[in-house]
Amino acid sequence: MIRFVRRLIPFLAAIMMVTAEAVPEKGARVQSLRVTILSTMLADGSGLGEWGFAALVEADGRRILFDTGMHRDLVLKNIGSLRFDVAAVPEVVLSHSHSDHVGGLMALRESVLPGSPQALSRVHAGKGIFYPRTEDGSLVETNPMIPLKTQYERTGGMFVVHDRPVQLHPGVWLTGPIPRKHPERNWSGSDKVRTPDGIVEDDIPEDTALVIDTDRGLVVITGCGHAGVVNTIEYARSIIRPARIHALIGGLHLFNAADDTLAWTAGKLREFGVENLIGAHCTGIETVYRLRADLGLDRAHAVVGAVGATFDLGQGIDPGHIAR
């Protein structure tokens, strides 16, 4: 019995740590912020491109890896090329379950185990990320997170699943699953997901975004924006504060959107006061140019995301050579 209790103490301590860190004081603002893109399709000498997304978020000295790309070791290679120390990154946020956002998780985790087992040891995600999935009526399980959960936990890592907004650190928020107020259909439409309420169309219910509150406004980071970029921003402004959007970074899943959809989206983004845009991954190249024009932004403030591109609070966007 004593041996069992001793084994249980570290587990209970970990739970207490997660609970304690999840409730910092509301109203805190981040003063120092850098976001670096580690995975997207466009790349030059700074790394390799792929159909996927990942970004390193550095907020007031805290580091979070947002998504992990598609191919097993591509983000790991790009981190090496960009000379980041992945051992100094304690936690990960996964925006949703798709393979182009979770594919690099295990290679990254395994790379730090020998010397820094606490690195990348906690993964935050929205409720629904482990729901069973099928494609086009098939009975074959397609959710990569189901086997990944077992593999990752075997390394001593922990998943923290959120069903509501949470402030991970002062001024750093995770939306959790995003309500679908507007009918933005940013998903395939043919896949199915098994939820507690039964099998339904897979609209990616776990889709979550990272939002950083700053004195200049909110910085919103999305993986694919399957919940819809307008739904995402409206929800973020309702749970944090109704501030302007200082920067919007990541995939918006608008690459195949119709003209009327893009016009409506741009109109809403204007209302939110979007000042900087890095449209990466599934946003679409033509979509970035369309949004740039419709939002009245210039090349310094609206760019196609590239590997190595950065956004710095107070300095703005450095798009890299190929996207300049």
Protein backbone atom coordinates (compact mmCIF):
# COMPACT_ATOMS: atom_id res chain seq x y z
CA MET A 1 0.00 0.00 0.00
CA ILE A 2 2.82 2.40 0.91
CA ARG A 3 4.56 1.59 -2.37
CA PHE A 4 1.33 2.33 -4.30
CA VAL A 5 0.93 5.71 -2.55
CA ARG A 6 4.52 6.64 -3.34
CA ARG A 7 3.94 5.87 -7.00
CA LEU A 8 0.74 7.93 -6.95
CA ILE A 9 2.34 11.09 -5.49
CA PRO A 10 4.10 12.25 -8.72
CA PHE A 11 0.88 11.71 -10.68
CA LEU A 12 -1.18 13.75 -8.19
CA ALA A 13 1.49 16.45 -8.15
CA ALA A 14 1.31 16.69 -11.94
CA ILE A 15 -2.47 17.12 -11.81
CA MET A 16 -2.13 19.84 -9.17
CA MET A 17 0.49 21.61 -11.29
CA VAL A 18 -1.77 21.61 -14.36
CA THR A 19 -4.69 22.94 -12.29
CA ALA A 20 -2.59 25.65 -10.66
CA GLU A 21 -1.10 26.88 -13.92
CA ALA A 22 -4.44 26.97 -15.74
CA VAL A 23 -5.90 29.85 -13.74
CA PRO A 24 -3.59 32.89 -13.84
CA GLU A 25 -5.12 36.29 -13.20
CA LYS A 26 -7.51 37.41 -15.94
CA GLY A 27 -6.61 40.70 -17.58
CA ALA A 28 -2.88 40.04 -17.82
CA ARG A 29 -1.18 41.25 -21.01
CA VAL A 30 1.85 39.81 -22.76
CA GLN A 31 4.64 42.36 -23.22
CA SER A 32 7.09 40.36 -25.33
CA LEU A 33 5.96 38.09 -28.17
CA ARG A 34 7.56 36.35 -31.13
CA VAL A 35 5.86 33.80 -33.40
CA THR A 36 8.07 31.82 -35.82
CA ILE A 37 6.60 29.59 -38.53
CA LEU A 38 8.20 26.13 -38.55
CA SER A 39 5.99 24.30 -41.05
CA THR A 40 4.05 25.48 -44.08
CA MET A 41 4.23 24.99 -47.85
CA LEU A 42 6.48 27.93 -48.76
CA ALA A 43 10.18 27.75 -47.88
CA ASP A 44 13.53 29.11 -48.98
CA GLY A 45 16.98 28.59 -47.44
CA SER A 46 15.51 28.71 -43.94
CA GLY A 47 14.08 25.20 -44.08
CA LEU A 48 11.84 22.70 -45.85
CA GLY A 49 8.22 23.12 -46.91
CA GLU A 50 5.28 20.71 -46.61
CA TRP A 51 1.49 20.64 -46.52
CA GLY A 52 1.24 21.24 -42.79
CA PHE A 53 1.57 23.84 -40.06
CA ALA A 54 3.62 24.46 -36.95
CA ALA A 55 4.80 27.58 -35.15
CA LEU A 56 6.92 28.39 -32.13
CA VAL A 57 5.30 30.92 -29.81
CA GLU A 58 7.52 32.81 -27.35
CA ALA A 59 5.50 34.94 -24.94
CA ASP A 60 7.19 36.71 -22.03
CA GLY A 61 9.86 34.04 -21.91
CA ARG A 62 7.46 31.08 -22.11
CA ARG A 63 7.69 28.82 -25.16
CA ILE A 64 4.84 26.84 -26.72
CA LEU A 65 4.98 24.72 -29.86
CA PHE A 66 1.74 25.20 -31.77
CA ASP A 67 1.09 22.15 -33.99
CA THR A 68 3.83 19.85 -35.29
CA GLY A 69 3.50 19.65 -39.09
CA MET A 70 2.78 16.60 -41.23
CA HIS A 71 5.95 14.63 -41.92
CA ARG A 72 7.54 12.89 -38.99
CA ASP A 73 10.83 14.77 -38.82
CA LEU A 74 10.35 17.91 -40.93
CA VAL A 75 9.64 20.32 -38.07
CA LEU A 76 12.55 18.79 -36.17
CA LYS A 77 14.82 19.50 -39.15
CA ASN A 78 13.51 23.04 -39.52
CA ILE A 79 14.06 23.71 -35.83
CA GLY A 80 17.66 22.64 -36.36
CA SER A 81 18.04 24.87 -39.43
CA LEU A 82 16.61 27.83 -37.54
CA ARG A 83 18.81 27.02 -34.52
CA PHE A 84 16.09 26.71 -31.92
CA ASP A 85 16.60 24.62 -28.80
CA VAL A 86 13.55 22.35 -28.72
CA ALA A 87 14.66 21.13 -25.29
CA ALA A 88 13.66 24.56 -23.97
CA VAL A 89 10.01 24.12 -25.07
CA PRO A 90 7.95 22.46 -22.31
CA GLU A 91 4.51 22.23 -23.91
CA VAL A 92 2.61 21.77 -27.14
CA VAL A 93 -0.79 22.93 -28.39
CA LEU A 94 -2.51 20.84 -31.07
CA SER A 95 -5.16 22.79 -32.92
CA HIS A 96 -6.97 19.65 -34.12
CA SER A 97 -6.49 15.99 -34.99
CA HIS A 98 -5.51 16.10 -38.68
CA SER A 99 -2.23 14.46 -39.66
CA ASP A 100 -0.80 17.64 -41.20
CA HIS A 101 -0.78 19.17 -37.71
CA VAL A 102 0.15 16.24 -35.47
CA GLY A 103 2.54 14.21 -37.65
CA GLY A 104 5.76 15.50 -36.10
CA LEU A 105 4.79 15.08 -32.44
CA MET A 106 6.52 11.78 -31.71
CA ALA A 107 9.79 12.60 -33.50
CA LEU A 108 10.00 15.86 -31.57
CA ARG A 109 9.20 14.21 -28.25
CA GLU A 110 11.67 11.36 -28.81
CA SER A 111 14.44 13.82 -29.73
CA VAL A 112 14.36 15.43 -26.26
CA LEU A 113 13.90 12.32 -24.11
CA PRO A 114 17.58 11.44 -23.55
CA GLY A 115 18.59 14.81 -22.08
CA SER A 116 15.40 16.78 -21.37
CA PRO A 117 12.44 14.51 -20.58
CA GLN A 118 10.38 17.48 -19.35
CA ALA A 119 10.53 19.13 -22.78
CA LEU A 120 7.40 18.77 -24.93
CA SER A 121 5.94 16.72 -22.08
CA ARG A 122 2.49 18.30 -22.01
CA VAL A 123 0.06 18.61 -24.92
CA HIS A 124 -3.00 20.86 -24.77
CA ALA A 125 -5.92 20.15 -27.11
CA GLY A 126 -9.65 20.71 -27.48
CA LYS A 127 -12.29 18.19 -26.47
CA GLY A 128 -13.01 15.84 -29.35
CA ILE A 129 -9.43 15.38 -30.54
CA PHE A 130 -9.61 11.67 -29.65
CA TYR A 131 -13.06 11.00 -31.13
CA PRO A 132 -13.07 8.07 -33.63
CA ARG A 133 -13.19 9.12 -37.29
CA THR A 134 -13.95 7.55 -40.68
CA GLU A 135 -13.70 8.78 -44.27
CA ASP A 136 -16.29 8.47 -47.05
CA GLY A 137 -18.32 5.73 -45.35
CA SER A 138 -15.32 3.51 -44.67
CA LEU A 139 -15.15 1.50 -41.42
CA VAL A 140 -11.40 2.15 -41.14
CA GLU A 141 -10.35 4.37 -38.22
CA THR A 142 -8.63 7.50 -39.57
CA ASN A 143 -7.92 9.62 -36.49
CA PRO A 144 -4.10 9.63 -36.08
CA MET A 145 -4.46 10.89 -32.52
CA ILE A 146 -5.76 7.54 -31.27
CA PRO A 147 -2.47 5.63 -31.77
CA LEU A 148 -0.47 8.78 -31.02
CA LYS A 149 -2.03 9.04 -27.57
CA THR A 150 -0.67 5.65 -26.55
CA GLN A 151 2.75 6.27 -28.08
CA TYR A 152 3.12 9.69 -26.52
CA GLU A 153 1.97 8.68 -23.04
CA ARG A 154 4.47 5.81 -23.06
CA THR A 155 7.22 8.44 -23.09
CA GLY A 156 5.84 10.02 -19.90
CA GLY A 157 4.00 12.78 -21.74
CA MET A 158 0.58 14.07 -20.65
CA PHE A 159 -2.43 15.20 -22.66
CA VAL A 160 -4.58 17.98 -21.19
CA VAL A 161 -7.95 18.14 -22.97
CA HIS A 162 -9.97 21.35 -22.63
CA ASP A 163 -13.72 21.68 -23.16
CA ARG A 164 -13.74 25.45 -22.54
CA PRO A 165 -11.42 28.48 -22.76
CA VAL A 166 -8.39 28.43 -20.50
CA GLN A 167 -5.62 30.90 -19.75
CA LEU A 168 -2.49 28.75 -20.01
CA HIS A 169 -0.20 31.54 -18.82
CA PRO A 170 -0.79 35.23 -18.06
CA GLY A 171 -2.18 36.70 -21.28
CA VAL A 172 -1.90 33.41 -23.22
CA TRP A 173 -5.29 31.82 -23.93
CA LEU A 174 -6.51 28.61 -25.52
CA THR A 175 -10.05 28.91 -26.87
CA GLY A 176 -10.99 25.26 -26.54
CA PRO A 177 -13.75 24.11 -28.92
CA ILE A 178 -15.19 27.12 -30.77
CA PRO A 179 -18.97 27.71 -31.12
CA ARG A 180 -20.17 27.85 -34.73
CA LYS A 181 -22.26 31.02 -34.65
CA HIS A 182 -21.74 31.72 -38.37
CA PRO A 183 -22.16 28.98 -41.03
CA GLU A 184 -18.51 28.87 -42.08
CA ARG A 185 -17.99 25.41 -43.61
CA ASN A 186 -14.22 25.09 -43.49
CA TRP A 187 -13.96 21.28 -43.61
CA SER A 188 -14.36 18.42 -46.08
CA GLY A 189 -18.05 17.65 -45.56
CA SER A 190 -17.69 13.91 -46.27
CA ASP A 191 -16.01 12.54 -43.13
CA LYS A 192 -17.79 11.23 -40.04
CA VAL A 193 -16.98 11.46 -36.34
CA ARG A 194 -18.33 9.40 -33.45
CA THR A 195 -19.33 11.78 -30.65
CA PRO A 196 -21.16 11.14 -27.34
CA ASP A 197 -24.33 12.11 -29.25
CA GLY A 198 -23.73 9.61 -32.05
CA ILE A 199 -22.10 9.55 -35.50
CA VAL A 200 -22.31 12.92 -37.25
CA GLU A 201 -20.59 14.92 -39.96
CA ASP A 202 -17.05 15.67 -38.88
CA ASP A 203 -16.88 19.46 -38.60
CA ILE A 204 -13.70 19.12 -36.50
CA PRO A 205 -15.38 19.89 -33.16
CA GLU A 206 -12.09 20.09 -31.28
CA ASP A 207 -10.73 22.92 -33.43
CA THR A 208 -9.00 25.37 -31.09
CA ALA A 209 -6.88 28.50 -31.43
CA LEU A 210 -4.17 30.17 -29.36
CA VAL A 211 -4.81 33.83 -28.52
CA ILE A 212 -2.30 36.21 -26.95
CA ASP A 213 -3.58 39.36 -25.27
CA THR A 214 -1.29 42.38 -25.71
CA ASP A 215 -1.57 46.13 -25.21
CA ARG A 216 -1.74 46.47 -29.01
CA GLY A 217 -4.66 44.04 -29.30
CA LEU A 218 -5.16 40.30 -29.67
CA VAL A 219 -2.82 38.03 -31.62
CA VAL A 220 -4.74 35.01 -32.95
CA ILE A 221 -2.94 31.84 -34.09
CA THR A 222 -4.88 29.16 -35.96
CA GLY A 223 -3.93 25.76 -37.37
CA CYS A 224 -6.55 25.45 -40.12
CA GLY A 225 -9.36 27.54 -38.72
CA HIS A 226 -11.85 24.74 -39.38
CA ALA A 227 -14.27 26.43 -36.98
CA GLY A 228 -14.12 29.48 -39.25
CA VAL A 229 -11.86 32.47 -38.78
CA VAL A 230 -14.80 34.76 -38.03
CA ASN A 231 -16.25 32.36 -35.46
CA THR A 232 -12.79 32.00 -33.93
CA ILE A 233 -12.14 35.73 -33.60
CA GLU A 234 -15.62 36.56 -32.32
CA TYR A 235 -15.28 33.86 -29.67
CA ALA A 236 -11.81 35.04 -28.68
CA ARG A 237 -13.04 38.61 -28.28
CA SER A 238 -15.98 37.41 -26.18
CA ILE A 239 -13.88 35.39 -23.73
CA ILE A 240 -10.87 37.72 -23.43
CA ARG A 241 -11.88 41.26 -24.37
CA PRO A 242 -13.37 42.98 -27.44
CA ALA A 243 -10.02 44.32 -28.65
CA ARG A 244 -8.88 44.82 -32.23
CA ILE A 245 -6.90 42.00 -33.85
CA HIS A 246 -3.30 43.11 -33.92
CA ALA A 247 -2.20 40.00 -35.83
CA LEU A 248 -3.80 36.94 -37.41
CA ILE A 249 -1.35 34.11 -38.08
CA GLY A 250 -1.73 30.58 -39.47
CA GLY A 251 -4.03 28.55 -41.68
CA LEU A 252 -7.53 29.85 -42.43
CA HIS A 253 -8.71 27.07 -44.81
CA LEU A 254 -9.91 29.50 -47.45
CA PHE A 255 -7.80 28.28 -50.38
CA ASN A 256 -10.87 27.06 -52.26
CA ALA A 257 -13.42 29.56 -50.92
CA ALA A 258 -15.85 31.23 -53.32
CA ASP A 259 -15.61 34.96 -54.02
CA ASP A 260 -18.70 35.79 -51.99
CA THR A 261 -17.27 33.88 -49.01
CA LEU A 262 -13.99 35.77 -49.24
CA ALA A 263 -15.82 39.09 -49.52
CA TRP A 264 -17.92 38.33 -46.42
CA THR A 265 -14.86 37.14 -44.49
CA ALA A 266 -12.85 40.21 -45.43
CA GLY A 267 -15.71 42.46 -44.33
CA LYS A 268 -15.77 40.81 -40.92
CA LEU A 269 -11.98 40.98 -40.58
CA ARG A 270 -12.16 44.72 -41.33
CA GLU A 271 -14.67 45.08 -38.49
CA PHE A 272 -12.19 43.32 -36.18
CA GLY A 273 -9.46 45.78 -37.18
CA VAL A 274 -6.94 43.21 -38.37
CA GLU A 275 -3.59 45.00 -38.62
CA ASN A 276 -1.20 42.19 -39.58
CA LEU A 277 -1.81 38.96 -41.48
CA ILE A 278 0.43 35.95 -42.07
CA GLY A 279 -1.70 33.59 -44.12
CA ALA A 280 0.01 30.21 -44.07
CA HIS A 281 -0.79 26.59 -44.93
CA CYS A 282 -4.39 26.19 -46.13
CA THR A 283 -5.17 29.91 -46.35
CA GLY A 284 -4.26 29.97 -50.03
CA ILE A 285 -1.87 32.27 -51.87
CA GLU A 286 -4.55 34.03 -53.92
CA THR A 287 -6.65 34.35 -50.77
CA VAL A 288 -3.85 36.23 -49.00
CA TYR A 289 -3.62 38.69 -51.89
CA ARG A 290 -7.40 39.13 -51.92
CA LEU A 291 -7.52 39.73 -48.17
CA ARG A 292 -4.59 42.13 -48.37
CA ALA A 293 -6.47 44.26 -50.88
CA ASP A 294 -9.85 44.04 -49.16
CA LEU A 295 -8.39 44.88 -45.75
CA GLY A 296 -6.42 47.83 -47.11
CA LEU A 297 -3.10 46.38 -45.97
CA ASP A 298 0.26 46.56 -47.74
CA ARG A 299 3.07 44.06 -48.33
CA ALA A 300 4.61 44.86 -44.97
CA HIS A 301 1.44 43.89 -43.11
CA ALA A 302 -0.09 41.00 -45.09
CA VAL A 303 2.09 38.17 -46.43
CA VAL A 304 2.01 34.54 -47.45
CA GLY A 305 3.48 32.54 -44.58
CA ALA A 306 6.87 30.91 -45.15
CA VAL A 307 9.10 28.70 -43.03
CA GLY A 308 11.19 30.99 -40.83
CA ALA A 309 8.82 33.96 -41.12
CA THR A 310 8.32 35.78 -37.83
CA PHE A 311 5.96 38.18 -36.15
CA ASP A 312 7.39 40.31 -33.34
CA LEU A 313 5.27 42.44 -31.07
CA GLY A 314 6.35 46.01 -31.71
CA GLN A 315 8.36 45.18 -34.83
CA GLY A 316 5.81 43.44 -37.02
CA ILE A 317 6.31 40.84 -39.74
CA ASP A 318 9.61 39.57 -41.14
CA PRO A 319 8.36 37.37 -44.01
CA GLY A 320 11.73 35.96 -45.06
CA HIS A 321 13.23 36.32 -48.53
CA ILE A 322 10.76 34.39 -50.66
CA ALA A 323 7.62 36.06 -49.32
CA ARG A 324 8.95 39.59 -49.01
